[in-house]
Protein backbone atom coordinates (compact mmCIF):
# COMPACT_ATOMS: atom_id res chain seq x y z
CA MET A 1 12.02 -43.62 -42.68
CA LEU A 2 8.27 -41.49 -43.43
CA LYS A 3 7.22 -43.06 -39.97
CA GLN A 4 10.25 -41.15 -38.00
CA LEU A 5 10.11 -38.16 -39.94
CA TYR A 6 6.09 -37.98 -39.38
CA GLU A 7 7.63 -38.00 -35.02
CA ILE A 8 9.57 -35.52 -35.59
CA PHE A 9 7.33 -33.38 -37.36
CA ALA A 10 4.88 -34.30 -34.12
CA ASP A 11 7.03 -33.79 -32.07
CA ILE A 12 7.80 -30.13 -33.13
CA VAL A 13 4.22 -29.47 -33.53
CA SER A 14 3.67 -30.48 -29.91
CA LEU A 15 6.88 -28.37 -28.99
CA LEU A 16 5.49 -25.10 -30.54
CA LYS A 17 1.76 -25.81 -28.74
CA ARG A 18 3.49 -26.04 -25.81
CA GLN A 19 5.88 -23.14 -26.26
CA ASP A 20 2.83 -20.96 -27.22
CA ARG A 21 0.90 -22.15 -23.82
CA LEU A 22 4.00 -21.10 -21.52
CA GLU A 23 4.71 -17.65 -23.30
CA LYS A 24 1.03 -17.09 -22.82
CA ILE A 25 1.24 -18.15 -19.20
CA VAL A 26 4.31 -15.85 -18.45
CA GLU A 27 2.74 -12.96 -19.94
CA LYS A 28 0.00 -13.63 -17.37
CA GLN A 29 1.90 -13.85 -14.65
CA GLY A 30 4.15 -10.61 -15.47
CA GLN A 31 0.88 -8.83 -15.86
CA GLU A 32 -0.13 -10.08 -12.65
CA LEU A 33 3.53 -8.92 -11.04
CA LYS A 34 3.12 -5.69 -12.31
CA GLU A 35 -0.67 -5.13 -11.01
CA LEU A 36 1.08 -6.98 -7.38
CA SER A 37 3.89 -4.45 -7.31
CA ARG A 38 1.56 -1.37 -8.10
CA MET A 39 -0.51 -2.83 -5.24
CA VAL A 40 2.75 -2.95 -2.41
CA GLU A 41 3.11 0.76 -3.94
CA ARG A 42 0.22 1.71 -2.90
CA LEU A 43 0.37 0.10 0.14
CA ILE A 44 3.44 1.54 1.31
CA TYR A 45 2.35 5.04 0.42
CA GLU A 46 -0.75 4.27 2.69
CA GLN A 47 1.47 3.24 5.71
CA GLN A 48 3.68 5.92 5.47
CA ARG A 49 0.89 8.78 5.51
CA ALA A 50 -0.91 6.64 8.22
CA ALA A 51 2.20 6.85 10.57
CA GLU A 52 2.73 10.43 9.27
CA ARG A 53 -1.13 11.56 10.67
CA GLU A 54 -0.04 9.45 13.47
CA ALA A 55 2.84 10.98 14.64
CA TYR A 56 1.49 14.41 14.03
CA GLU A 57 -1.58 13.52 16.49
CA ARG A 58 0.72 12.43 18.90
CA LYS A 59 2.73 15.70 18.54
CA LEU A 60 -1.04 17.19 18.77
CA LEU A 61 -1.72 15.57 21.99
CA LEU A 62 1.71 16.20 23.52
CA LEU A 63 1.59 20.11 23.20
CA GLU A 64 -2.23 20.21 24.45
CA MET A 65 -1.41 18.53 27.04
CA GLU A 66 1.79 20.88 27.97
CA ASN A 67 -1.16 23.46 27.45
CA ARG A 68 -3.47 21.76 29.88
CA LEU A 69 -0.35 21.61 32.44
CA LEU A 70 0.99 25.19 31.70
CA LYS A 71 -2.48 26.93 32.55
CA GLU A 72 -2.61 24.83 35.63
CA LYS A 73 0.61 25.41 36.63
CA LEU A 74 -0.09 29.30 36.33
CA GLN A 75 -3.21 28.93 37.40
CA LEU A 76 -4.76 30.79 34.46
CA PRO A 77 -8.18 30.77 33.61
CA PRO A 78 -9.35 28.64 30.31
CA HIS A 79 -9.94 30.31 27.47
CA PRO A 80 -13.56 31.90 26.62
CA GLN A 81 -13.55 29.71 23.12
CA ASP A 82 -11.86 26.06 24.42
CA ASP A 83 -15.66 24.52 24.20
CA GLY A 84 -15.90 25.69 20.88
CA ASP A 85 -12.48 24.17 20.29
CA GLU A 86 -13.17 20.82 21.48
CA GLU A 87 -16.12 20.57 19.17
CA ASN A 88 -14.02 21.75 15.99
CA ARG A 89 -11.32 19.01 16.41
CA LYS A 90 -13.78 16.08 16.99
């Protein structure tokens, strides 16, 4: 009878230790999940900004092409500051 009580007590202690280890693991994984979530949010934000910049640059290029085509069609002389503007854009 005493041996059975000891075994039950030993099982309880073992289960409590295991529960403590598992709780620590769950806590650590929760922290890692929060960190990964923040990283994903940051990547999404950066991807959106990159897409916006690319759309802006495409629009700017189309406007520059349209401007050049109009100048060519109308045979307008180039603007005297065109050379300086290209250097400022780079």
